[in-house]
Amino acid sequence: LGDGVAWEGAQAAGDDVAVHWLNL
């Protein structure tokens, strides 16, 4: 199922990504 959804993409490993939790 996963924990959330990446709000915006990330170009590479280590980039910051905002996660919208599935339980919100």
PDBML (XML) file of the C-alpha atoms, coordinates in Angstrom:
<?xml version="1.0" encoding="UTF-8" ?>
<PDBx:datablock datablockName="MODEL"
   xmlns:PDBx="http://pdbml.pdb.org/schema/pdbx-v50.xsd"
   xmlns:xsi="http://www.w3.org/2001/XMLSchema-instance"
   xsi:schemaLocation="http://pdbml.pdb.org/schema/pdbx-v50.xsd pdbx-v50.xsd">
   <PDBx:atom_siteCategory>
      <PDBx:atom_site id="1">
         <PDBx:B_iso_or_equiv>0.00</PDBx:B_iso_or_equiv>
         <PDBx:Cartn_x>0.000</PDBx:Cartn_x>
         <PDBx:Cartn_y>0.000</PDBx:Cartn_y>
         <PDBx:Cartn_z>0.000</PDBx:Cartn_z>
         <PDBx:auth_asym_id>A</PDBx:auth_asym_id>
         <PDBx:auth_atom_id>CA</PDBx:auth_atom_id>
         <PDBx:auth_comp_id>LEU</PDBx:auth_comp_id>
         <PDBx:auth_seq_id>1</PDBx:auth_seq_id>
         <PDBx:group_PDB>ATOM</PDBx:group_PDB>
         <PDBx:label_alt_id xsi:nil="true" />
         <PDBx:label_asym_id>A</PDBx:label_asym_id>
         <PDBx:label_atom_id>CA</PDBx:label_atom_id>
         <PDBx:label_comp_id>LEU</PDBx:label_comp_id>
         <PDBx:label_entity_id>1</PDBx:label_entity_id>
         <PDBx:label_seq_id>1</PDBx:label_seq_id>
         <PDBx:occupancy>1.00</PDBx:occupancy>
         <PDBx:pdbx_PDB_model_num>1</PDBx:pdbx_PDB_model_num>
         <PDBx:type_symbol>C</PDBx:type_symbol>
      </PDBx:atom_site>
      <PDBx:atom_site id="2">
         <PDBx:B_iso_or_equiv>0.00</PDBx:B_iso_or_equiv>
         <PDBx:Cartn_x>2.779</PDBx:Cartn_x>
         <PDBx:Cartn_y>2.421</PDBx:Cartn_y>
         <PDBx:Cartn_z>0.967</PDBx:Cartn_z>
         <PDBx:auth_asym_id>A</PDBx:auth_asym_id>
         <PDBx:auth_atom_id>CA</PDBx:auth_atom_id>
         <PDBx:auth_comp_id>GLY</PDBx:auth_comp_id>
         <PDBx:auth_seq_id>2</PDBx:auth_seq_id>
         <PDBx:group_PDB>ATOM</PDBx:group_PDB>
         <PDBx:label_alt_id xsi:nil="true" />
         <PDBx:label_asym_id>A</PDBx:label_asym_id>
         <PDBx:label_atom_id>CA</PDBx:label_atom_id>
         <PDBx:label_comp_id>GLY</PDBx:label_comp_id>
         <PDBx:label_entity_id>1</PDBx:label_entity_id>
         <PDBx:label_seq_id>2</PDBx:label_seq_id>
         <PDBx:occupancy>1.00</PDBx:occupancy>
         <PDBx:pdbx_PDB_model_num>1</PDBx:pdbx_PDB_model_num>
         <PDBx:type_symbol>C</PDBx:type_symbol>
      </PDBx:atom_site>
      <PDBx:atom_site id="3">
         <PDBx:B_iso_or_equiv>0.00</PDBx:B_iso_or_equiv>
         <PDBx:Cartn_x>2.875</PDBx:Cartn_x>
         <PDBx:Cartn_y>5.156</PDBx:Cartn_y>
         <PDBx:Cartn_z>3.587</PDBx:Cartn_z>
         <PDBx:auth_asym_id>A</PDBx:auth_asym_id>
         <PDBx:auth_atom_id>CA</PDBx:auth_atom_id>
         <PDBx:auth_comp_id>ASP</PDBx:auth_comp_id>
         <PDBx:auth_seq_id>3</PDBx:auth_seq_id>
         <PDBx:group_PDB>ATOM</PDBx:group_PDB>
         <PDBx:label_alt_id xsi:nil="true" />
         <PDBx:label_asym_id>A</PDBx:label_asym_id>
         <PDBx:label_atom_id>CA</PDBx:label_atom_id>
         <PDBx:label_comp_id>ASP</PDBx:label_comp_id>
         <PDBx:label_entity_id>1</PDBx:label_entity_id>
         <PDBx:label_seq_id>3</PDBx:label_seq_id>
         <PDBx:occupancy>1.00</PDBx:occupancy>
         <PDBx:pdbx_PDB_model_num>1</PDBx:pdbx_PDB_model_num>
         <PDBx:type_symbol>C</PDBx:type_symbol>
      </PDBx:atom_site>
      <PDBx:atom_site id="4">
         <PDBx:B_iso_or_equiv>0.00</PDBx:B_iso_or_equiv>
         <PDBx:Cartn_x>2.124</PDBx:Cartn_x>
         <PDBx:Cartn_y>8.224</PDBx:Cartn_y>
         <PDBx:Cartn_z>1.507</PDBx:Cartn_z>
         <PDBx:auth_asym_id>A</PDBx:auth_asym_id>
         <PDBx:auth_atom_id>CA</PDBx:auth_atom_id>
         <PDBx:auth_comp_id>GLY</PDBx:auth_comp_id>
         <PDBx:auth_seq_id>4</PDBx:auth_seq_id>
         <PDBx:group_PDB>ATOM</PDBx:group_PDB>
         <PDBx:label_alt_id xsi:nil="true" />
         <PDBx:label_asym_id>A</PDBx:label_asym_id>
         <PDBx:label_atom_id>CA</PDBx:label_atom_id>
         <PDBx:label_comp_id>GLY</PDBx:label_comp_id>
         <PDBx:label_entity_id>1</PDBx:label_entity_id>
         <PDBx:label_seq_id>4</PDBx:label_seq_id>
         <PDBx:occupancy>1.00</PDBx:occupancy>
         <PDBx:pdbx_PDB_model_num>1</PDBx:pdbx_PDB_model_num>
         <PDBx:type_symbol>C</PDBx:type_symbol>
      </PDBx:atom_site>
      <PDBx:atom_site id="5">
         <PDBx:B_iso_or_equiv>0.00</PDBx:B_iso_or_equiv>
         <PDBx:Cartn_x>2.389</PDBx:Cartn_x>
         <PDBx:Cartn_y>9.970</PDBx:Cartn_y>
         <PDBx:Cartn_z>-1.839</PDBx:Cartn_z>
         <PDBx:auth_asym_id>A</PDBx:auth_asym_id>
         <PDBx:auth_atom_id>CA</PDBx:auth_atom_id>
         <PDBx:auth_comp_id>VAL</PDBx:auth_comp_id>
         <PDBx:auth_seq_id>5</PDBx:auth_seq_id>
         <PDBx:group_PDB>ATOM</PDBx:group_PDB>
         <PDBx:label_alt_id xsi:nil="true" />
         <PDBx:label_asym_id>A</PDBx:label_asym_id>
         <PDBx:label_atom_id>CA</PDBx:label_atom_id>
         <PDBx:label_comp_id>VAL</PDBx:label_comp_id>
         <PDBx:label_entity_id>1</PDBx:label_entity_id>
         <PDBx:label_seq_id>5</PDBx:label_seq_id>
         <PDBx:occupancy>1.00</PDBx:occupancy>
         <PDBx:pdbx_PDB_model_num>1</PDBx:pdbx_PDB_model_num>
         <PDBx:type_symbol>C</PDBx:type_symbol>
      </PDBx:atom_site>
      <PDBx:atom_site id="6">
         <PDBx:B_iso_or_equiv>0.00</PDBx:B_iso_or_equiv>
         <PDBx:Cartn_x>5.401</PDBx:Cartn_x>
         <PDBx:Cartn_y>11.931</PDBx:Cartn_y>
         <PDBx:Cartn_z>-3.106</PDBx:Cartn_z>
         <PDBx:auth_asym_id>A</PDBx:auth_asym_id>
         <PDBx:auth_atom_id>CA</PDBx:auth_atom_id>
         <PDBx:auth_comp_id>ALA</PDBx:auth_comp_id>
         <PDBx:auth_seq_id>6</PDBx:auth_seq_id>
         <PDBx:group_PDB>ATOM</PDBx:group_PDB>
         <PDBx:label_alt_id xsi:nil="true" />
         <PDBx:label_asym_id>A</PDBx:label_asym_id>
         <PDBx:label_atom_id>CA</PDBx:label_atom_id>
         <PDBx:label_comp_id>ALA</PDBx:label_comp_id>
         <PDBx:label_entity_id>1</PDBx:label_entity_id>
         <PDBx:label_seq_id>6</PDBx:label_seq_id>
         <PDBx:occupancy>1.00</PDBx:occupancy>
         <PDBx:pdbx_PDB_model_num>1</PDBx:pdbx_PDB_model_num>
         <PDBx:type_symbol>C</PDBx:type_symbol>
      </PDBx:atom_site>
      <PDBx:atom_site id="7">
         <PDBx:B_iso_or_equiv>0.00</PDBx:B_iso_or_equiv>
         <PDBx:Cartn_x>3.928</PDBx:Cartn_x>
         <PDBx:Cartn_y>15.396</PDBx:Cartn_y>
         <PDBx:Cartn_z>-3.577</PDBx:Cartn_z>
         <PDBx:auth_asym_id>A</PDBx:auth_asym_id>
         <PDBx:auth_atom_id>CA</PDBx:auth_atom_id>
         <PDBx:auth_comp_id>TRP</PDBx:auth_comp_id>
         <PDBx:auth_seq_id>7</PDBx:auth_seq_id>
         <PDBx:group_PDB>ATOM</PDBx:group_PDB>
         <PDBx:label_alt_id xsi:nil="true" />
         <PDBx:label_asym_id>A</PDBx:label_asym_id>
         <PDBx:label_atom_id>CA</PDBx:label_atom_id>
         <PDBx:label_comp_id>TRP</PDBx:label_comp_id>
         <PDBx:label_entity_id>1</PDBx:label_entity_id>
         <PDBx:label_seq_id>7</PDBx:label_seq_id>
         <PDBx:occupancy>1.00</PDBx:occupancy>
         <PDBx:pdbx_PDB_model_num>1</PDBx:pdbx_PDB_model_num>
         <PDBx:type_symbol>C</PDBx:type_symbol>
      </PDBx:atom_site>
      <PDBx:atom_site id="8">
         <PDBx:B_iso_or_equiv>0.00</PDBx:B_iso_or_equiv>
         <PDBx:Cartn_x>6.567</PDBx:Cartn_x>
         <PDBx:Cartn_y>16.378</PDBx:Cartn_y>
         <PDBx:Cartn_z>-6.108</PDBx:Cartn_z>
         <PDBx:auth_asym_id>A</PDBx:auth_asym_id>
         <PDBx:auth_atom_id>CA</PDBx:auth_atom_id>
         <PDBx:auth_comp_id>GLU</PDBx:auth_comp_id>
         <PDBx:auth_seq_id>8</PDBx:auth_seq_id>
         <PDBx:group_PDB>ATOM</PDBx:group_PDB>
         <PDBx:label_alt_id xsi:nil="true" />
         <PDBx:label_asym_id>A</PDBx:label_asym_id>
         <PDBx:label_atom_id>CA</PDBx:label_atom_id>
         <PDBx:label_comp_id>GLU</PDBx:label_comp_id>
         <PDBx:label_entity_id>1</PDBx:label_entity_id>
         <PDBx:label_seq_id>8</PDBx:label_seq_id>
         <PDBx:occupancy>1.00</PDBx:occupancy>
         <PDBx:pdbx_PDB_model_num>1</PDBx:pdbx_PDB_model_num>
         <PDBx:type_symbol>C</PDBx:type_symbol>
      </PDBx:atom_site>
      <PDBx:atom_site id="9">
         <PDBx:B_iso_or_equiv>0.00</PDBx:B_iso_or_equiv>
         <PDBx:Cartn_x>9.144</PDBx:Cartn_x>
         <PDBx:Cartn_y>14.230</PDBx:Cartn_y>
         <PDBx:Cartn_z>-7.833</PDBx:Cartn_z>
         <PDBx:auth_asym_id>A</PDBx:auth_asym_id>
         <PDBx:auth_atom_id>CA</PDBx:auth_atom_id>
         <PDBx:auth_comp_id>GLY</PDBx:auth_comp_id>
         <PDBx:auth_seq_id>9</PDBx:auth_seq_id>
         <PDBx:group_PDB>ATOM</PDBx:group_PDB>
         <PDBx:label_alt_id xsi:nil="true" />
         <PDBx:label_asym_id>A</PDBx:label_asym_id>
         <PDBx:label_atom_id>CA</PDBx:label_atom_id>
         <PDBx:label_comp_id>GLY</PDBx:label_comp_id>
         <PDBx:label_entity_id>1</PDBx:label_entity_id>
         <PDBx:label_seq_id>9</PDBx:label_seq_id>
         <PDBx:occupancy>1.00</PDBx:occupancy>
         <PDBx:pdbx_PDB_model_num>1</PDBx:pdbx_PDB_model_num>
         <PDBx:type_symbol>C</PDBx:type_symbol>
      </PDBx:atom_site>
      <PDBx:atom_site id="10">
         <PDBx:B_iso_or_equiv>0.00</PDBx:B_iso_or_equiv>
         <PDBx:Cartn_x>12.815</PDBx:Cartn_x>
         <PDBx:Cartn_y>13.839</PDBx:Cartn_y>
         <PDBx:Cartn_z>-6.944</PDBx:Cartn_z>
         <PDBx:auth_asym_id>A</PDBx:auth_asym_id>
         <PDBx:auth_atom_id>CA</PDBx:auth_atom_id>
         <PDBx:auth_comp_id>ALA</PDBx:auth_comp_id>
         <PDBx:auth_seq_id>10</PDBx:auth_seq_id>
         <PDBx:group_PDB>ATOM</PDBx:group_PDB>
         <PDBx:label_alt_id xsi:nil="true" />
         <PDBx:label_asym_id>A</PDBx:label_asym_id>
         <PDBx:label_atom_id>CA</PDBx:label_atom_id>
         <PDBx:label_comp_id>ALA</PDBx:label_comp_id>
         <PDBx:label_entity_id>1</PDBx:label_entity_id>
         <PDBx:label_seq_id>10</PDBx:label_seq_id>
         <PDBx:occupancy>1.00</PDBx:occupancy>
         <PDBx:pdbx_PDB_model_num>1</PDBx:pdbx_PDB_model_num>
         <PDBx:type_symbol>C</PDBx:type_symbol>
      </PDBx:atom_site>
      <PDBx:atom_site id="11">
         <PDBx:B_iso_or_equiv>0.00</PDBx:B_iso_or_equiv>
         <PDBx:Cartn_x>15.484</PDBx:Cartn_x>
         <PDBx:Cartn_y>13.944</PDBx:Cartn_y>
         <PDBx:Cartn_z>-9.647</PDBx:Cartn_z>
         <PDBx:auth_asym_id>A</PDBx:auth_asym_id>
         <PDBx:auth_atom_id>CA</PDBx:auth_atom_id>
         <PDBx:auth_comp_id>GLN</PDBx:auth_comp_id>
         <PDBx:auth_seq_id>11</PDBx:auth_seq_id>
         <PDBx:group_PDB>ATOM</PDBx:group_PDB>
         <PDBx:label_alt_id xsi:nil="true" />
         <PDBx:label_asym_id>A</PDBx:label_asym_id>
         <PDBx:label_atom_id>CA</PDBx:label_atom_id>
         <PDBx:label_comp_id>GLN</PDBx:label_comp_id>
         <PDBx:label_entity_id>1</PDBx:label_entity_id>
         <PDBx:label_seq_id>11</PDBx:label_seq_id>
         <PDBx:occupancy>1.00</PDBx:occupancy>
         <PDBx:pdbx_PDB_model_num>1</PDBx:pdbx_PDB_model_num>
         <PDBx:type_symbol>C</PDBx:type_symbol>
      </PDBx:atom_site>
      <PDBx:atom_site id="12">
         <PDBx:B_iso_or_equiv>0.00</PDBx:B_iso_or_equiv>
         <PDBx:Cartn_x>17.866</PDBx:Cartn_x>
         <PDBx:Cartn_y>11.659</PDBx:Cartn_y>
         <PDBx:Cartn_z>-7.757</PDBx:Cartn_z>
         <PDBx:auth_asym_id>A</PDBx:auth_asym_id>
         <PDBx:auth_atom_id>CA</PDBx:auth_atom_id>
         <PDBx:auth_comp_id>ALA</PDBx:auth_comp_id>
         <PDBx:auth_seq_id>12</PDBx:auth_seq_id>
         <PDBx:group_PDB>ATOM</PDBx:group_PDB>
         <PDBx:label_alt_id xsi:nil="true" />
         <PDBx:label_asym_id>A</PDBx:label_asym_id>
         <PDBx:label_atom_id>CA</PDBx:label_atom_id>
         <PDBx:label_comp_id>ALA</PDBx:label_comp_id>
         <PDBx:label_entity_id>1</PDBx:label_entity_id>
         <PDBx:label_seq_id>12</PDBx:label_seq_id>
         <PDBx:occupancy>1.00</PDBx:occupancy>
         <PDBx:pdbx_PDB_model_num>1</PDBx:pdbx_PDB_model_num>
         <PDBx:type_symbol>C</PDBx:type_symbol>
      </PDBx:atom_site>
      <PDBx:atom_site id="13">
         <PDBx:B_iso_or_equiv>0.00</PDBx:B_iso_or_equiv>
         <PDBx:Cartn_x>18.457</PDBx:Cartn_x>
         <PDBx:Cartn_y>9.794</PDBx:Cartn_y>
         <PDBx:Cartn_z>-4.518</PDBx:Cartn_z>
         <PDBx:auth_asym_id>A</PDBx:auth_asym_id>
         <PDBx:auth_atom_id>CA</PDBx:auth_atom_id>
         <PDBx:auth_comp_id>ALA</PDBx:auth_comp_id>
         <PDBx:auth_seq_id>13</PDBx:auth_seq_id>
         <PDBx:group_PDB>ATOM</PDBx:group_PDB>
         <PDBx:label_alt_id xsi:nil="true" />
         <PDBx:label_asym_id>A</PDBx:label_asym_id>
         <PDBx:label_atom_id>CA</PDBx:label_atom_id>
         <PDBx:label_comp_id>ALA</PDBx:label_comp_id>
         <PDBx:label_entity_id>1</PDBx:label_entity_id>
         <PDBx:label_seq_id>13</PDBx:label_seq_id>
         <PDBx:occupancy>1.00</PDBx:occupancy>
         <PDBx:pdbx_PDB_model_num>1</PDBx:pdbx_PDB_model_num>
         <PDBx:type_symbol>C</PDBx:type_symbol>
      </PDBx:atom_site>
      <PDBx:atom_site id="14">
         <PDBx:B_iso_or_equiv>0.00</PDBx:B_iso_or_equiv>
         <PDBx:Cartn_x>19.105</PDBx:Cartn_x>
         <PDBx:Cartn_y>12.231</PDBx:Cartn_y>
         <PDBx:Cartn_z>-1.686</PDBx:Cartn_z>
         <PDBx:auth_asym_id>A</PDBx:auth_asym_id>
         <PDBx:auth_atom_id>CA</PDBx:auth_atom_id>
         <PDBx:auth_comp_id>GLY</PDBx:auth_comp_id>
         <PDBx:auth_seq_id>14</PDBx:auth_seq_id>
         <PDBx:group_PDB>ATOM</PDBx:group_PDB>
         <PDBx:label_alt_id xsi:nil="true" />
         <PDBx:label_asym_id>A</PDBx:label_asym_id>
         <PDBx:label_atom_id>CA</PDBx:label_atom_id>
         <PDBx:label_comp_id>GLY</PDBx:label_comp_id>
         <PDBx:label_entity_id>1</PDBx:label_entity_id>
         <PDBx:label_seq_id>14</PDBx:label_seq_id>
         <PDBx:occupancy>1.00</PDBx:occupancy>
         <PDBx:pdbx_PDB_model_num>1</PDBx:pdbx_PDB_model_num>
         <PDBx:type_symbol>C</PDBx:type_symbol>
      </PDBx:atom_site>
      <PDBx:atom_site id="15">
         <PDBx:B_iso_or_equiv>0.00</PDBx:B_iso_or_equiv>
         <PDBx:Cartn_x>16.834</PDBx:Cartn_x>
         <PDBx:Cartn_y>14.986</PDBx:Cartn_y>
         <PDBx:Cartn_z>-3.046</PDBx:Cartn_z>
         <PDBx:auth_asym_id>A</PDBx:auth_asym_id>
         <PDBx:auth_atom_id>CA</PDBx:auth_atom_id>
         <PDBx:auth_comp_id>ASP</PDBx:auth_comp_id>
         <PDBx:auth_seq_id>15</PDBx:auth_seq_id>
         <PDBx:group_PDB>ATOM</PDBx:group_PDB>
         <PDBx:label_alt_id xsi:nil="true" />
         <PDBx:label_asym_id>A</PDBx:label_asym_id>
         <PDBx:label_atom_id>CA</PDBx:label_atom_id>
         <PDBx:label_comp_id>ASP</PDBx:label_comp_id>
         <PDBx:label_entity_id>1</PDBx:label_entity_id>
         <PDBx:label_seq_id>15</PDBx:label_seq_id>
         <PDBx:occupancy>1.00</PDBx:occupancy>
         <PDBx:pdbx_PDB_model_num>1</PDBx:pdbx_PDB_model_num>
         <PDBx:type_symbol>C</PDBx:type_symbol>
      </PDBx:atom_site>
      <PDBx:atom_site id="16">
         <PDBx:B_iso_or_equiv>0.00</PDBx:B_iso_or_equiv>
         <PDBx:Cartn_x>14.181</PDBx:Cartn_x>
         <PDBx:Cartn_y>16.207</PDBx:Cartn_y>
         <PDBx:Cartn_z>-0.613</PDBx:Cartn_z>
         <PDBx:auth_asym_id>A</PDBx:auth_asym_id>
         <PDBx:auth_atom_id>CA</PDBx:auth_atom_id>
         <PDBx:auth_comp_id>ASP</PDBx:auth_comp_id>
         <PDBx:auth_seq_id>16</PDBx:auth_seq_id>
         <PDBx:group_PDB>ATOM</PDBx:group_PDB>
         <PDBx:label_alt_id xsi:nil="true" />
         <PDBx:label_asym_id>A</PDBx:label_asym_id>
         <PDBx:label_atom_id>CA</PDBx:label_atom_id>
         <PDBx:label_comp_id>ASP</PDBx:label_comp_id>
         <PDBx:label_entity_id>1</PDBx:label_entity_id>
         <PDBx:label_seq_id>16</PDBx:label_seq_id>
         <PDBx:occupancy>1.00</PDBx:occupancy>
         <PDBx:pdbx_PDB_model_num>1</PDBx:pdbx_PDB_model_num>
         <PDBx:type_symbol>C</PDBx:type_symbol>
      </PDBx:atom_site>
      <PDBx:atom_site id="17">
         <PDBx:B_iso_or_equiv>0.00</PDBx:B_iso_or_equiv>
         <PDBx:Cartn_x>10.620</PDBx:Cartn_x>
         <PDBx:Cartn_y>15.096</PDBx:Cartn_y>
         <PDBx:Cartn_z>-1.302</PDBx:Cartn_z>
         <PDBx:auth_asym_id>A</PDBx:auth_asym_id>
         <PDBx:auth_atom_id>CA</PDBx:auth_atom_id>
         <PDBx:auth_comp_id>VAL</PDBx:auth_comp_id>
         <PDBx:auth_seq_id>17</PDBx:auth_seq_id>
         <PDBx:group_PDB>ATOM</PDBx:group_PDB>
         <PDBx:label_alt_id xsi:nil="true" />
         <PDBx:label_asym_id>A</PDBx:label_asym_id>
         <PDBx:label_atom_id>CA</PDBx:label_atom_id>
         <PDBx:label_comp_id>VAL</PDBx:label_comp_id>
         <PDBx:label_entity_id>1</PDBx:label_entity_id>
         <PDBx:label_seq_id>17</PDBx:label_seq_id>
         <PDBx:occupancy>1.00</PDBx:occupancy>
         <PDBx:pdbx_PDB_model_num>1</PDBx:pdbx_PDB_model_num>
         <PDBx:type_symbol>C</PDBx:type_symbol>
      </PDBx:atom_site>
      <PDBx:atom_site id="18">
         <PDBx:B_iso_or_equiv>0.00</PDBx:B_iso_or_equiv>
         <PDBx:Cartn_x>7.443</PDBx:Cartn_x>
         <PDBx:Cartn_y>16.087</PDBx:Cartn_y>
         <PDBx:Cartn_z>0.547</PDBx:Cartn_z>
         <PDBx:auth_asym_id>A</PDBx:auth_asym_id>
         <PDBx:auth_atom_id>CA</PDBx:auth_atom_id>
         <PDBx:auth_comp_id>ALA</PDBx:auth_comp_id>
         <PDBx:auth_seq_id>18</PDBx:auth_seq_id>
         <PDBx:group_PDB>ATOM</PDBx:group_PDB>
         <PDBx:label_alt_id xsi:nil="true" />
         <PDBx:label_asym_id>A</PDBx:label_asym_id>
         <PDBx:label_atom_id>CA</PDBx:label_atom_id>
         <PDBx:label_comp_id>ALA</PDBx:label_comp_id>
         <PDBx:label_entity_id>1</PDBx:label_entity_id>
         <PDBx:label_seq_id>18</PDBx:label_seq_id>
         <PDBx:occupancy>1.00</PDBx:occupancy>
         <PDBx:pdbx_PDB_model_num>1</PDBx:pdbx_PDB_model_num>
         <PDBx:type_symbol>C</PDBx:type_symbol>
      </PDBx:atom_site>
      <PDBx:atom_site id="19">
         <PDBx:B_iso_or_equiv>0.00</PDBx:B_iso_or_equiv>
         <PDBx:Cartn_x>5.290</PDBx:Cartn_x>
         <PDBx:Cartn_y>13.103</PDBx:Cartn_y>
         <PDBx:Cartn_z>1.460</PDBx:Cartn_z>
         <PDBx:auth_asym_id>A</PDBx:auth_asym_id>
         <PDBx:auth_atom_id>CA</PDBx:auth_atom_id>
         <PDBx:auth_comp_id>VAL</PDBx:auth_comp_id>
         <PDBx:auth_seq_id>19</PDBx:auth_seq_id>
         <PDBx:group_PDB>ATOM</PDBx:group_PDB>
         <PDBx:label_alt_id xsi:nil="true" />
         <PDBx:label_asym_id>A</PDBx:label_asym_id>
         <PDBx:label_atom_id>CA</PDBx:label_atom_id>
         <PDBx:label_comp_id>VAL</PDBx:label_comp_id>
         <PDBx:label_entity_id>1</PDBx:label_entity_id>
         <PDBx:label_seq_id>19</PDBx:label_seq_id>
         <PDBx:occupancy>1.00</PDBx:occupancy>
         <PDBx:pdbx_PDB_model_num>1</PDBx:pdbx_PDB_model_num>
         <PDBx:type_symbol>C</PDBx:type_symbol>
      </PDBx:atom_site>
      <PDBx:atom_site id="20">
         <PDBx:B_iso_or_equiv>0.00</PDBx:B_iso_or_equiv>
         <PDBx:Cartn_x>1.518</PDBx:Cartn_x>
         <PDBx:Cartn_y>13.424</PDBx:Cartn_y>
         <PDBx:Cartn_z>1.894</PDBx:Cartn_z>
         <PDBx:auth_asym_id>A</PDBx:auth_asym_id>
         <PDBx:auth_atom_id>CA</PDBx:auth_atom_id>
         <PDBx:auth_comp_id>HIS</PDBx:auth_comp_id>
         <PDBx:auth_seq_id>20</PDBx:auth_seq_id>
         <PDBx:group_PDB>ATOM</PDBx:group_PDB>
         <PDBx:label_alt_id xsi:nil="true" />
         <PDBx:label_asym_id>A</PDBx:label_asym_id>
         <PDBx:label_atom_id>CA</PDBx:label_atom_id>
         <PDBx:label_comp_id>HIS</PDBx:label_comp_id>
         <PDBx:label_entity_id>1</PDBx:label_entity_id>
         <PDBx:label_seq_id>20</PDBx:label_seq_id>
         <PDBx:occupancy>1.00</PDBx:occupancy>
         <PDBx:pdbx_PDB_model_num>1</PDBx:pdbx_PDB_model_num>
         <PDBx:type_symbol>C</PDBx:type_symbol>
      </PDBx:atom_site>
      <PDBx:atom_site id="21">
         <PDBx:B_iso_or_equiv>0.00</PDBx:B_iso_or_equiv>
         <PDBx:Cartn_x>0.516</PDBx:Cartn_x>
         <PDBx:Cartn_y>10.660</PDBx:Cartn_y>
         <PDBx:Cartn_z>4.337</PDBx:Cartn_z>
         <PDBx:auth_asym_id>A</PDBx:auth_asym_id>
         <PDBx:auth_atom_id>CA</PDBx:auth_atom_id>
         <PDBx:auth_comp_id>TRP</PDBx:auth_comp_id>
         <PDBx:auth_seq_id>21</PDBx:auth_seq_id>
         <PDBx:group_PDB>ATOM</PDBx:group_PDB>
         <PDBx:label_alt_id xsi:nil="true" />
         <PDBx:label_asym_id>A</PDBx:label_asym_id>
         <PDBx:label_atom_id>CA</PDBx:label_atom_id>
         <PDBx:label_comp_id>TRP</PDBx:label_comp_id>
         <PDBx:label_entity_id>1</PDBx:label_entity_id>
         <PDBx:label_seq_id>21</PDBx:label_seq_id>
         <PDBx:occupancy>1.00</PDBx:occupancy>
         <PDBx:pdbx_PDB_model_num>1</PDBx:pdbx_PDB_model_num>
         <PDBx:type_symbol>C</PDBx:type_symbol>
      </PDBx:atom_site>
      <PDBx:atom_site id="22">
         <PDBx:B_iso_or_equiv>0.00</PDBx:B_iso_or_equiv>
         <PDBx:Cartn_x>-2.230</PDBx:Cartn_x>
         <PDBx:Cartn_y>8.283</PDBx:Cartn_y>
         <PDBx:Cartn_z>3.224</PDBx:Cartn_z>
         <PDBx:auth_asym_id>A</PDBx:auth_asym_id>
         <PDBx:auth_atom_id>CA</PDBx:auth_atom_id>
         <PDBx:auth_comp_id>LEU</PDBx:auth_comp_id>
         <PDBx:auth_seq_id>22</PDBx:auth_seq_id>
         <PDBx:group_PDB>ATOM</PDBx:group_PDB>
         <PDBx:label_alt_id xsi:nil="true" />
         <PDBx:label_asym_id>A</PDBx:label_asym_id>
         <PDBx:label_atom_id>CA</PDBx:label_atom_id>
         <PDBx:label_comp_id>LEU</PDBx:label_comp_id>
         <PDBx:label_entity_id>1</PDBx:label_entity_id>
         <PDBx:label_seq_id>22</PDBx:label_seq_id>
         <PDBx:occupancy>1.00</PDBx:occupancy>
         <PDBx:pdbx_PDB_model_num>1</PDBx:pdbx_PDB_model_num>
         <PDBx:type_symbol>C</PDBx:type_symbol>
      </PDBx:atom_site>
      <PDBx:atom_site id="23">
         <PDBx:B_iso_or_equiv>0.00</PDBx:B_iso_or_equiv>
         <PDBx:Cartn_x>-4.030</PDBx:Cartn_x>
         <PDBx:Cartn_y>8.647</PDBx:Cartn_y>
         <PDBx:Cartn_z>6.561</PDBx:Cartn_z>
         <PDBx:auth_asym_id>A</PDBx:auth_asym_id>
         <PDBx:auth_atom_id>CA</PDBx:auth_atom_id>
         <PDBx:auth_comp_id>ASN</PDBx:auth_comp_id>
         <PDBx:auth_seq_id>23</PDBx:auth_seq_id>
         <PDBx:group_PDB>ATOM</PDBx:group_PDB>
         <PDBx:label_alt_id xsi:nil="true" />
         <PDBx:label_asym_id>A</PDBx:label_asym_id>
         <PDBx:label_atom_id>CA</PDBx:label_atom_id>
         <PDBx:label_comp_id>ASN</PDBx:label_comp_id>
         <PDBx:label_entity_id>1</PDBx:label_entity_id>
         <PDBx:label_seq_id>23</PDBx:label_seq_id>
         <PDBx:occupancy>1.00</PDBx:occupancy>
         <PDBx:pdbx_PDB_model_num>1</PDBx:pdbx_PDB_model_num>
         <PDBx:type_symbol>C</PDBx:type_symbol>
      </PDBx:atom_site>
      <PDBx:atom_site id="24">
         <PDBx:B_iso_or_equiv>0.00</PDBx:B_iso_or_equiv>
         <PDBx:Cartn_x>-4.558</PDBx:Cartn_x>
         <PDBx:Cartn_y>12.418</PDBx:Cartn_y>
         <PDBx:Cartn_z>6.206</PDBx:Cartn_z>
         <PDBx:auth_asym_id>A</PDBx:auth_asym_id>
         <PDBx:auth_atom_id>CA</PDBx:auth_atom_id>
         <PDBx:auth_comp_id>LEU</PDBx:auth_comp_id>
         <PDBx:auth_seq_id>24</PDBx:auth_seq_id>
         <PDBx:group_PDB>ATOM</PDBx:group_PDB>
         <PDBx:label_alt_id xsi:nil="true" />
         <PDBx:label_asym_id>A</PDBx:label_asym_id>
         <PDBx:label_atom_id>CA</PDBx:label_atom_id>
         <PDBx:label_comp_id>LEU</PDBx:label_comp_id>
         <PDBx:label_entity_id>1</PDBx:label_entity_id>
         <PDBx:label_seq_id>24</PDBx:label_seq_id>
         <PDBx:occupancy>1.00</PDBx:occupancy>
         <PDBx:pdbx_PDB_model_num>1</PDBx:pdbx_PDB_model_num>
         <PDBx:type_symbol>C</PDBx:type_symbol>
      </PDBx:atom_site>
   </PDBx:atom_siteCategory>
</PDBx:datablock>
